[in-house]
PDB file of all heavy atoms in Angstrom:
ATOM      1  N   TYR A   1       0.832  -1.199   0.000  1.00  0.00           N
ATOM      2  CA  TYR A   1       0.000   0.000   0.000  1.00  0.00           C
ATOM      3  C   TYR A   1       0.868   1.251   0.000  1.00  0.00           C
ATOM      4  O   TYR A   1       0.577   2.242  -0.696  1.00  0.00           O
ATOM      5  CB  TYR A   1      -0.932  -0.001   1.214  1.00  0.00           C
ATOM      6  CG  TYR A   1      -2.187  -0.831   1.037  1.00  0.00           C
ATOM      7  CD1 TYR A   1      -2.144  -2.069   0.398  1.00  0.00           C
ATOM      8  CD2 TYR A   1      -3.411  -0.395   1.509  1.00  0.00           C
ATOM      9  CE1 TYR A   1      -3.285  -2.840   0.250  1.00  0.00           C
ATOM     10  CE2 TYR A   1      -4.568  -1.156   1.363  1.00  0.00           C
ATOM     11  CZ  TYR A   1      -4.498  -2.373   0.738  1.00  0.00           C
ATOM     12  OH  TYR A   1      -5.623  -3.126   0.580  1.00  0.00           O
ATOM     13  N   HIS A   2       1.950   1.217   0.785  1.00  0.00           N
ATOM     14  CA  HIS A   2       2.877   2.353   0.841  1.00  0.00           C
ATOM     15  C   HIS A   2       3.510   2.598  -0.533  1.00  0.00           C
ATOM     16  O   HIS A   2       3.643   3.748  -0.974  1.00  0.00           O
ATOM     17  CB  HIS A   2       3.952   2.060   1.886  1.00  0.00           C
ATOM     18  CG  HIS A   2       4.886   3.196   2.154  1.00  0.00           C
ATOM     19  ND1 HIS A   2       4.478   4.508   2.218  1.00  0.00           N
ATOM     20  CD2 HIS A   2       6.237   3.211   2.366  1.00  0.00           C
ATOM     21  CE1 HIS A   2       5.520   5.281   2.482  1.00  0.00           C
ATOM     22  NE2 HIS A   2       6.595   4.527   2.554  1.00  0.00           N
ATOM     23  N   ARG A   3       3.866   1.524  -1.216  1.00  0.00           N
ATOM     24  CA  ARG A   3       4.445   1.657  -2.556  1.00  0.00           C
ATOM     25  C   ARG A   3       3.444   2.270  -3.521  1.00  0.00           C
ATOM     26  O   ARG A   3       3.782   3.174  -4.302  1.00  0.00           O
ATOM     27  CB  ARG A   3       4.890   0.282  -3.071  1.00  0.00           C
ATOM     28  CG  ARG A   3       5.351   0.286  -4.526  1.00  0.00           C
ATOM     29  CD  ARG A   3       5.792  -1.077  -4.979  1.00  0.00           C
ATOM     30  NE  ARG A   3       4.775  -2.099  -4.770  1.00  0.00           N
ATOM     31  CZ  ARG A   3       3.721  -2.279  -5.567  1.00  0.00           C
ATOM     32  NH1 ARG A   3       3.535  -1.463  -6.605  1.00  0.00           N
ATOM     33  NH2 ARG A   3       2.857  -3.236  -5.333  1.00  0.00           N
ATOM     34  N   ILE A   4       2.192   1.814  -3.458  1.00  0.00           N
ATOM     35  CA  ILE A   4       1.157   2.350  -4.349  1.00  0.00           C
ATOM     36  C   ILE A   4       0.916   3.829  -4.041  1.00  0.00           C
ATOM     37  O   ILE A   4       0.784   4.662  -4.945  1.00  0.00           O
ATOM     38  CB  ILE A   4      -0.147   1.551  -4.200  1.00  0.00           C
ATOM     39  CG1 ILE A   4       0.053   0.121  -4.719  1.00  0.00           C
ATOM     40  CG2 ILE A   4      -1.295   2.223  -4.972  1.00  0.00           C
ATOM     41  CD1 ILE A   4      -1.104  -0.812  -4.416  1.00  0.00           C
ATOM     42  N   LEU A   5       0.878   4.162  -2.761  1.00  0.00           N
ATOM     43  CA  LEU A   5       0.681   5.567  -2.374  1.00  0.00           C
ATOM     44  C   LEU A   5       1.816   6.439  -2.905  1.00  0.00           C
ATOM     45  O   LEU A   5       1.579   7.517  -3.458  1.00  0.00           O
ATOM     46  CB  LEU A   5       0.597   5.668  -0.853  1.00  0.00           C
ATOM     47  CG  LEU A   5      -0.686   5.112  -0.212  1.00  0.00           C
ATOM     48  CD1 LEU A   5      -0.496   4.913   1.279  1.00  0.00           C
ATOM     49  CD2 LEU A   5      -1.876   6.028  -0.482  1.00  0.00           C
ATOM     50  N   LYS A   6       3.042   5.966  -2.758  1.00  0.00           N
ATOM     51  CA  LYS A   6       4.192   6.739  -3.242  1.00  0.00           C
ATOM     52  C   LYS A   6       4.158   6.892  -4.761  1.00  0.00           C
ATOM     53  O   LYS A   6       4.550   7.940  -5.287  1.00  0.00           O
ATOM     54  CB  LYS A   6       5.499   6.073  -2.798  1.00  0.00           C
ATOM     55  CG  LYS A   6       5.783   6.202  -1.316  1.00  0.00           C
ATOM     56  CD  LYS A   6       7.223   5.865  -0.988  1.00  0.00           C
ATOM     57  CE  LYS A   6       7.563   4.429  -1.323  1.00  0.00           C
ATOM     58  NZ  LYS A   6       8.975   4.109  -0.939  1.00  0.00           N
ATOM     59  N   GLU A   7       3.687   5.858  -5.466  1.00  0.00           N
ATOM     60  CA  GLU A   7       3.584   5.941  -6.922  1.00  0.00           C
ATOM     61  C   GLU A   7       2.625   7.037  -7.356  1.00  0.00           C
ATOM     62  O   GLU A   7       2.724   7.561  -8.474  1.00  0.00           O
ATOM     63  CB  GLU A   7       3.125   4.593  -7.484  1.00  0.00           C
ATOM     64  CG  GLU A   7       4.198   3.506  -7.427  1.00  0.00           C
ATOM     65  CD  GLU A   7       3.666   2.138  -7.822  1.00  0.00           C
ATOM     66  OE1 GLU A   7       2.427   2.012  -8.038  1.00  0.00           O
ATOM     67  OE2 GLU A   7       4.467   1.188  -7.914  1.00  0.00           O
ATOM     68  N   HIS A   8       1.686   7.388  -6.459  1.00  0.00           N
ATOM     69  CA  HIS A   8       0.726   8.460  -6.744  1.00  0.00           C
ATOM     70  C   HIS A   8       1.121   9.769  -6.051  1.00  0.00           C
ATOM     71  O   HIS A   8       0.300  10.681  -5.911  1.00  0.00           O
ATOM     72  CB  HIS A   8      -0.678   8.030  -6.323  1.00  0.00           C
ATOM     73  CG  HIS A   8      -1.261   6.965  -7.194  1.00  0.00           C
ATOM     74  ND1 HIS A   8      -0.951   5.626  -7.048  1.00  0.00           N
ATOM     75  CD2 HIS A   8      -2.116   7.035  -8.263  1.00  0.00           C
ATOM     76  CE1 HIS A   8      -1.607   4.916  -7.954  1.00  0.00           C
ATOM     77  NE2 HIS A   8      -2.310   5.747  -8.699  1.00  0.00           N
ATOM     78  N   GLY A   9       2.369   9.839  -5.616  1.00  0.00           N
ATOM     79  CA  GLY A   9       2.872  11.061  -5.012  1.00  0.00           C
ATOM     80  C   GLY A   9       2.412  11.305  -3.597  1.00  0.00           C
ATOM     81  O   GLY A   9       2.507  12.426  -3.082  1.00  0.00           O
ATOM     82  N   ILE A  10       1.897  10.270  -2.945  1.00  0.00           N
ATOM     83  CA  ILE A  10       1.379  10.415  -1.580  1.00  0.00           C
ATOM     84  C   ILE A  10       2.385   9.807  -0.615  1.00  0.00           C
ATOM     85  O   ILE A  10       2.445   8.581  -0.448  1.00  0.00           O
ATOM     86  CB  ILE A  10      -0.001   9.741  -1.440  1.00  0.00           C
ATOM     87  CG1 ILE A  10      -0.987  10.318  -2.468  1.00  0.00           C
ATOM     88  CG2 ILE A  10      -0.545   9.915  -0.027  1.00  0.00           C
ATOM     89  CD1 ILE A  10      -2.308   9.576  -2.538  1.00  0.00           C
ATOM     90  N   THR A  11       3.195  10.646  -0.015  1.00  0.00           N
ATOM     91  CA  THR A  11       4.212  10.181   0.931  1.00  0.00           C
ATOM     92  C   THR A  11       3.928  10.616   2.356  1.00  0.00           C
ATOM     93  O   THR A  11       4.624  10.211   3.289  1.00  0.00           O
ATOM     94  CB  THR A  11       5.606  10.694   0.513  1.00  0.00           C
ATOM     95  OG1 THR A  11       5.566  12.125   0.446  1.00  0.00           O
ATOM     96  CG2 THR A  11       6.005  10.129  -0.847  1.00  0.00           C
ATOM     97  N   ASP A  12       2.914  11.456   2.525  1.00  0.00           N
ATOM     98  CA  ASP A  12       2.499  11.902   3.850  1.00  0.00           C
ATOM     99  C   ASP A  12       1.059  12.390   3.746  1.00  0.00           C
ATOM    100  O   ASP A  12       0.390  12.179   2.732  1.00  0.00           O
ATOM    101  CB  ASP A  12       3.425  12.996   4.390  1.00  0.00           C
ATOM    102  CG  ASP A  12       3.501  14.209   3.467  1.00  0.00           C
ATOM    103  OD1 ASP A  12       2.673  14.322   2.531  1.00  0.00           O
ATOM    104  OD2 ASP A  12       4.392  15.049   3.666  1.00  0.00           O
ATOM    105  N   GLY A  13       0.564  13.035   4.791  1.00  0.00           N
ATOM    106  CA  GLY A  13      -0.793  13.561   4.756  1.00  0.00           C
ATOM    107  C   GLY A  13      -1.808  12.612   5.356  1.00  0.00           C
ATOM    108  O   GLY A  13      -1.476  11.582   5.941  1.00  0.00           O
ATOM    109  N   LEU A  14      -3.064  12.970   5.192  1.00  0.00           N
ATOM    110  CA  LEU A  14      -4.169  12.291   5.865  1.00  0.00           C
ATOM    111  C   LEU A  14      -4.722  11.135   5.032  1.00  0.00           C
ATOM    112  O   LEU A  14      -5.027  11.288   3.854  1.00  0.00           O
ATOM    113  CB  LEU A  14      -5.278  13.312   6.145  1.00  0.00           C
ATOM    114  CG  LEU A  14      -6.345  12.975   7.176  1.00  0.00           C
ATOM    115  CD1 LEU A  14      -5.731  12.637   8.525  1.00  0.00           C
ATOM    116  CD2 LEU A  14      -7.315  14.145   7.310  1.00  0.00           C
ATOM    117  N   ILE A  15      -4.866   9.976   5.684  1.00  0.00           N
ATOM    118  CA  ILE A  15      -5.428   8.784   5.055  1.00  0.00           C
ATOM    119  C   ILE A  15      -6.513   8.219   5.955  1.00  0.00           C
ATOM    120  O   ILE A  15      -6.359   8.171   7.179  1.00  0.00           O
ATOM    121  CB  ILE A  15      -4.343   7.721   4.803  1.00  0.00           C
ATOM    122  CG1 ILE A  15      -3.352   8.211   3.746  1.00  0.00           C
ATOM    123  CG2 ILE A  15      -4.965   6.395   4.344  1.00  0.00           C
ATOM    124  CD1 ILE A  15      -2.221   7.250   3.478  1.00  0.00           C
ATOM    125  N   CYS A  16      -7.611   7.776   5.351  1.00  0.00           N
ATOM    126  CA  CYS A  16      -8.714   7.169   6.100  1.00  0.00           C
ATOM    127  C   CYS A  16      -8.740   5.666   5.839  1.00  0.00           C
ATOM    128  O   CYS A  16      -8.856   5.233   4.691  1.00  0.00           O
ATOM    129  CB  CYS A  16     -10.043   7.788   5.694  1.00  0.00           C
ATOM    130  SG  CYS A  16     -11.472   7.076   6.540  1.00  0.00           S
ATOM    131  N   ASP A  17      -8.627   4.893   6.896  1.00  0.00           N
ATOM    132  CA  ASP A  17      -8.682   3.432   6.819  1.00  0.00           C
ATOM    133  C   ASP A  17     -10.080   2.983   7.225  1.00  0.00           C
ATOM    134  O   ASP A  17     -10.434   3.021   8.400  1.00  0.00           O
ATOM    135  CB  ASP A  17      -7.620   2.830   7.739  1.00  0.00           C
ATOM    136  CG  ASP A  17      -7.493   1.325   7.593  1.00  0.00           C
ATOM    137  OD1 ASP A  17      -7.888   0.796   6.530  1.00  0.00           O
ATOM    138  OD2 ASP A  17      -6.998   0.683   8.532  1.00  0.00           O
ATOM    139  N   LEU A  18     -10.881   2.575   6.244  1.00  0.00           N
ATOM    140  CA  LEU A  18     -12.261   2.159   6.496  1.00  0.00           C
ATOM    141  C   LEU A  18     -12.310   0.731   7.028  1.00  0.00           C
ATOM    142  O   LEU A  18     -11.487  -0.103   6.666  1.00  0.00           O
ATOM    143  CB  LEU A  18     -13.073   2.254   5.207  1.00  0.00           C
ATOM    144  CG  LEU A  18     -13.269   3.661   4.626  1.00  0.00           C
ATOM    145  CD1 LEU A  18     -13.908   3.578   3.249  1.00  0.00           C
ATOM    146  CD2 LEU A  18     -14.107   4.517   5.565  1.00  0.00           C
ATOM    147  N   ALA A  19     -13.325   0.464   7.863  1.00  0.00           N
ATOM    148  CA  ALA A  19     -13.481  -0.861   8.477  1.00  0.00           C
ATOM    149  C   ALA A  19     -12.141  -1.303   9.050  1.00  0.00           C
ATOM    150  O   ALA A  19     -11.662  -2.405   8.779  1.00  0.00           O
ATOM    151  CB  ALA A  19     -14.022  -1.865   7.467  1.00  0.00           C
ATOM    152  N   CYS A  20     -11.552  -0.459   9.872  1.00  0.00           N
ATOM    153  CA  CYS A  20     -10.168  -0.638  10.305  1.00  0.00           C
ATOM    154  C   CYS A  20      -9.984  -1.741  11.329  1.00  0.00           C
ATOM    155  O   CYS A  20      -8.856  -2.117  11.649  1.00  0.00           O
ATOM    156  CB  CYS A  20      -9.612   0.672  10.857  1.00  0.00           C
ATOM    157  SG  CYS A  20     -10.413   1.237  12.387  1.00  0.00           S
ATOM    158  N   GLY A  21     -11.080  -2.265  11.878  1.00  0.00           N
ATOM    159  CA  GLY A  21     -10.969  -3.358  12.837  1.00  0.00           C
ATOM    160  C   GLY A  21     -10.159  -2.973  14.056  1.00  0.00           C
ATOM    161  O   GLY A  21     -10.373  -1.930  14.673  1.00  0.00           O
ATOM    162  N   SER A  22      -9.180  -3.801  14.400  1.00  0.00           N
ATOM    163  CA  SER A  22      -8.349  -3.535  15.574  1.00  0.00           C
ATOM    164  C   SER A  22      -7.152  -2.659  15.250  1.00  0.00           C
ATOM    165  O   SER A  22      -6.224  -2.554  16.051  1.00  0.00           O
ATOM    166  CB  SER A  22      -7.882  -4.865  16.196  1.00  0.00           C
ATOM    167  OG  SER A  22      -7.088  -5.585  15.259  1.00  0.00           O
ATOM    168  N   GLY A  23      -7.156  -2.040  14.060  1.00  0.00           N
ATOM    169  CA  GLY A  23      -6.154  -1.041  13.723  1.00  0.00           C
ATOM    170  C   GLY A  23      -4.831  -1.584  13.221  1.00  0.00           C
ATOM    171  O   GLY A  23      -3.827  -0.861  13.225  1.00  0.00           O
ATOM    172  N   ASN A  24      -4.806  -2.824  12.747  1.00  0.00           N
ATOM    173  CA  ASN A  24      -3.538  -3.411  12.312  1.00  0.00           C
ATOM    174  C   ASN A  24      -2.920  -2.664  11.133  1.00  0.00           C
ATOM    175  O   ASN A  24      -1.729  -2.351  11.140  1.00  0.00           O
ATOM    176  CB  ASN A  24      -3.728  -4.891  11.964  1.00  0.00           C
ATOM    177  CG  ASN A  24      -3.902  -5.749  13.192  1.00  0.00           C
ATOM    178  OD1 ASN A  24      -3.149  -5.629  14.155  1.00  0.00           O
ATOM    179  ND2 ASN A  24      -4.908  -6.606  13.197  1.00  0.00           N
ATOM    180  N   MET A  25      -3.707  -2.388  10.094  1.00  0.00           N
ATOM    181  CA  MET A  25      -3.173  -1.649   8.962  1.00  0.00           C
ATOM    182  C   MET A  25      -3.066  -0.160   9.291  1.00  0.00           C
ATOM    183  O   MET A  25      -2.108   0.511   8.875  1.00  0.00           O
ATOM    184  CB  MET A  25      -4.064  -1.848   7.730  1.00  0.00           C
ATOM    185  CG  MET A  25      -3.547  -1.157   6.474  1.00  0.00           C
ATOM    186  SD  MET A  25      -1.979  -1.826   5.871  1.00  0.00           S
ATOM    187  CE  MET A  25      -2.556  -3.326   5.082  1.00  0.00           C
ATOM    188  N   THR A  26      -4.034   0.356  10.026  1.00  0.00           N
ATOM    189  CA  THR A  26      -4.030   1.768  10.408  1.00  0.00           C
ATOM    190  C   THR A  26      -2.730   2.139  11.103  1.00  0.00           C
ATOM    191  O   THR A  26      -2.093   3.145  10.779  1.00  0.00           O
ATOM    192  CB  THR A  26      -5.214   2.070  11.353  1.00  0.00           C
ATOM    193  OG1 THR A  26      -6.348   1.279  11.005  1.00  0.00           O
ATOM    194  CG2 THR A  26      -5.591   3.536  11.307  1.00  0.00           C
ATOM    195  N   ASP A  27      -2.327   1.324  12.064  1.00  0.00           N
ATOM    196  CA  ASP A  27      -1.118   1.622  12.828  1.00  0.00           C
ATOM    197  C   ASP A  27       0.134   1.479  11.969  1.00  0.00           C
ATOM    198  O   ASP A  27       1.078   2.266  12.105  1.00  0.00           O
ATOM    199  CB  ASP A  27      -1.024   0.707  14.040  1.00  0.00           C
ATOM    200  CG  ASP A  27       0.181   1.037  14.907  1.00  0.00           C
ATOM    201  OD1 ASP A  27       0.235   2.161  15.438  1.00  0.00           O
ATOM    202  OD2 ASP A  27       1.079   0.182  15.028  1.00  0.00           O
ATOM    203  N   ARG A  28       0.154   0.488  11.096  1.00  0.00           N
ATOM    204  CA  ARG A  28       1.336   0.318  10.235  1.00  0.00           C
ATOM    205  C   ARG A  28       1.517   1.520   9.313  1.00  0.00           C
ATOM    206  O   ARG A  28       2.641   1.982   9.099  1.00  0.00           O
ATOM    207  CB  ARG A  28       1.218  -0.983   9.441  1.00  0.00           C
ATOM    208  CG  ARG A  28       1.550  -2.225  10.273  1.00  0.00           C
ATOM    209  CD  ARG A  28       1.109  -3.510   9.584  1.00  0.00           C
ATOM    210  NE  ARG A  28       1.611  -4.684  10.270  1.00  0.00           N
ATOM    211  CZ  ARG A  28       1.055  -5.210  11.366  1.00  0.00           C
ATOM    212  NH1 ARG A  28      -0.013  -4.620  11.902  1.00  0.00           N
ATOM    213  NH2 ARG A  28       1.558  -6.294  11.930  1.00  0.00           N
ATOM    214  N   LEU A  29       0.436   2.030   8.752  1.00  0.00           N
ATOM    215  CA  LEU A  29       0.534   3.205   7.892  1.00  0.00           C
ATOM    216  C   LEU A  29       0.919   4.446   8.703  1.00  0.00           C
ATOM    217  O   LEU A  29       1.653   5.314   8.214  1.00  0.00           O
ATOM    218  CB  LEU A  29      -0.781   3.423   7.147  1.00  0.00           C
ATOM    219  CG  LEU A  29      -1.106   2.363   6.079  1.00  0.00           C
ATOM    220  CD1 LEU A  29      -2.494   2.596   5.490  1.00  0.00           C
ATOM    221  CD2 LEU A  29      -0.066   2.349   4.960  1.00  0.00           C
ATOM    222  N   ARG A  30       0.451   4.521   9.937  1.00  0.00           N
ATOM    223  CA  ARG A  30       0.869   5.620  10.819  1.00  0.00           C
ATOM    224  C   ARG A  30       2.382   5.606  10.998  1.00  0.00           C
ATOM    225  O   ARG A  30       3.049   6.654  10.898  1.00  0.00           O
ATOM    226  CB  ARG A  30       0.197   5.493  12.189  1.00  0.00           C
ATOM    227  CG  ARG A  30       0.692   6.525  13.212  1.00  0.00           C
ATOM    228  CD  ARG A  30       0.240   6.195  14.629  1.00  0.00           C
ATOM    229  NE  ARG A  30       0.857   4.984  15.156  1.00  0.00           N
ATOM    230  CZ  ARG A  30       2.076   4.936  15.708  1.00  0.00           C
ATOM    231  NH1 ARG A  30       2.814   6.041  15.774  1.00  0.00           N
ATOM    232  NH2 ARG A  30       2.550   3.807  16.190  1.00  0.00           N
ATOM    233  N   ARG A  31       2.920   4.418  11.231  1.00  0.00           N
ATOM    234  CA  ARG A  31       4.357   4.307  11.446  1.00  0.00           C
ATOM    235  C   ARG A  31       5.153   4.584  10.176  1.00  0.00           C
ATOM    236  O   ARG A  31       6.363   4.822  10.237  1.00  0.00           O
ATOM    237  CB  ARG A  31       4.698   2.923  12.009  1.00  0.00           C
ATOM    238  CG  ARG A  31       4.315   2.780  13.476  1.00  0.00           C
ATOM    239  CD  ARG A  31       4.751   1.458  14.057  1.00  0.00           C
ATOM    240  NE  ARG A  31       3.706   0.440  13.958  1.00  0.00           N
ATOM    241  CZ  ARG A  31       3.907  -0.799  13.560  1.00  0.00           C
ATOM    242  NH1 ARG A  31       5.100  -1.190  13.154  1.00  0.00           N
ATOM    243  NH2 ARG A  31       2.921  -1.659  13.525  1.00  0.00           N
ATOM    244  N   MET A  32       4.484   4.543   9.029  1.00  0.00           N
ATOM    245  CA  MET A  32       5.141   4.876   7.764  1.00  0.00           C
ATOM    246  C   MET A  32       5.078   6.371   7.462  1.00  0.00           C
ATOM    247  O   MET A  32       5.524   6.814   6.412  1.00  0.00           O
ATOM    248  CB  MET A  32       4.502   4.069   6.628  1.00  0.00           C
ATOM    249  CG  MET A  32       4.844   2.593   6.678  1.00  0.00           C
ATOM    250  SD  MET A  32       3.984   1.645   5.387  1.00  0.00           S
ATOM    251  CE  MET A  32       4.785   0.035   5.564  1.00  0.00           C
ATOM    252  N   GLY A  33       4.487   7.145   8.383  1.00  0.00           N
ATOM    253  CA  GLY A  33       4.526   8.589   8.255  1.00  0.00           C
ATOM    254  C   GLY A  33       3.232   9.260   7.861  1.00  0.00           C
ATOM    255  O   GLY A  33       3.208  10.479   7.649  1.00  0.00           O
ATOM    256  N   TYR A  34       2.128   8.511   7.811  1.00  0.00           N
ATOM    257  CA  TYR A  34       0.846   9.091   7.429  1.00  0.00           C
ATOM    258  C   TYR A  34       0.038   9.485   8.664  1.00  0.00           C
ATOM    259  O   TYR A  34       0.161   8.858   9.724  1.00  0.00           O
ATOM    260  CB  TYR A  34       0.045   8.096   6.573  1.00  0.00           C
ATOM    261  CG  TYR A  34       0.735   7.741   5.283  1.00  0.00           C
ATOM    262  CD1 TYR A  34       1.410   6.532   5.149  1.00  0.00           C
ATOM    263  CD2 TYR A  34       0.729   8.616   4.196  1.00  0.00           C
ATOM    264  CE1 TYR A  34       2.061   6.195   3.969  1.00  0.00           C
ATOM    265  CE2 TYR A  34       1.377   8.288   3.007  1.00  0.00           C
ATOM    266  CZ  TYR A  34       2.043   7.080   2.911  1.00  0.00           C
ATOM    267  OH  TYR A  34       2.697   6.760   1.737  1.00  0.00           O
ATOM    268  N   ASP A  35      -0.783  10.505   8.523  1.00  0.00           N
ATOM    269  CA  ASP A  35      -1.738  10.885   9.562  1.00  0.00           C
ATOM    270  C   ASP A  35      -3.002  10.058   9.321  1.00  0.00           C
ATOM    271  O   ASP A  35      -3.615  10.157   8.259  1.00  0.00           O
ATOM    272  CB  ASP A  35      -2.064  12.377   9.479  1.00  0.00           C
ATOM    273  CG  ASP A  35      -0.840  13.244   9.714  1.00  0.00           C
ATOM    274  OD1 ASP A  35      -0.053  12.916  10.620  1.00  0.00           O
ATOM    275  OD2 ASP A  35      -0.678  14.238   8.988  1.00  0.00           O
ATOM    276  N   MET A  36      -3.393   9.270  10.303  1.00  0.00           N
ATOM    277  CA  MET A  36      -4.420   8.263  10.064  1.00  0.00           C
ATOM    278  C   MET A  36      -5.747   8.551  10.772  1.00  0.00           C
ATOM    279  O   MET A  36      -5.792   9.018  11.909  1.00  0.00           O
ATOM    280  CB  MET A  36      -3.918   6.882  10.517  1.00  0.00           C
ATOM    281  CG  MET A  36      -2.700   6.385   9.765  1.00  0.00           C
ATOM    282  SD  MET A  36      -2.959   6.247   7.969  1.00  0.00           S
ATOM    283  CE  MET A  36      -4.343   5.091   7.904  1.00  0.00           C
ATOM    284  N   ILE A  37      -6.827   8.242  10.040  1.00  0.00           N
ATOM    285  CA  ILE A  37      -8.173   8.158  10.590  1.00  0.00           C
ATOM    286  C   ILE A  37      -8.623   6.711  10.430  1.00  0.00           C
ATOM    287  O   ILE A  37      -8.489   6.134   9.345  1.00  0.00           O
ATOM    288  CB  ILE A  37      -9.161   9.071   9.849  1.00  0.00           C
ATOM    289  CG1 ILE A  37      -8.745  10.542   9.956  1.00  0.00           C
ATOM    290  CG2 ILE A  37     -10.586   8.891  10.393  1.00  0.00           C
ATOM    291  CD1 ILE A  37      -9.567  11.469   9.080  1.00  0.00           C
ATOM    292  N   GLY A  38      -9.143   6.114  11.486  1.00  0.00           N
ATOM    293  CA  GLY A  38      -9.675   4.752  11.405  1.00  0.00           C
ATOM    294  C   GLY A  38     -11.175   4.773  11.632  1.00  0.00           C
ATOM    295  O   GLY A  38     -11.645   5.305  12.644  1.00  0.00           O
ATOM    296  N   VAL A  39     -11.918   4.206  10.676  1.00  0.00           N
ATOM    297  CA  VAL A  39     -13.376   4.134  10.773  1.00  0.00           C
ATOM    298  C   VAL A  39     -13.778   2.678  10.985  1.00  0.00           C
ATOM    299  O   VAL A  39     -13.385   1.795  10.208  1.00  0.00           O
ATOM    300  CB  VAL A  39     -14.044   4.683   9.494  1.00  0.00           C
ATOM    301  CG1 VAL A  39     -15.542   4.392   9.492  1.00  0.00           C
ATOM    302  CG2 VAL A  39     -13.795   6.184   9.374  1.00  0.00           C
ATOM    303  N   GLU A  40     -14.546   2.417  12.039  1.00  0.00           N
ATOM    304  CA  GLU A  40     -14.923   1.038  12.370  1.00  0.00           C
ATOM    305  C   GLU A  40     -16.273   1.050  13.082  1.00  0.00           C
ATOM    306  O   GLU A  40     -16.519   1.894  13.952  1.00  0.00           O
ATOM    307  CB  GLU A  40     -13.857   0.398  13.260  1.00  0.00           C
ATOM    308  CG  GLU A  40     -14.219  -0.928  13.880  1.00  0.00           C
ATOM    309  CD  GLU A  40     -14.539  -2.011  12.855  1.00  0.00           C
ATOM    310  OE1 GLU A  40     -13.826  -2.092  11.834  1.00  0.00           O
ATOM    311  OE2 GLU A  40     -15.500  -2.772  13.078  1.00  0.00           O
TER     312      GLU A  40
END
């Protein structure tokens, strides 16, 4: 996902993780430098 985001010029900023569950992907993207919103 990080590679795809970078291919579209998205290396930081706000991302919304829908149906985020227990936050497994949400937290990983946070640690990659994104500002995260988790919707669950």
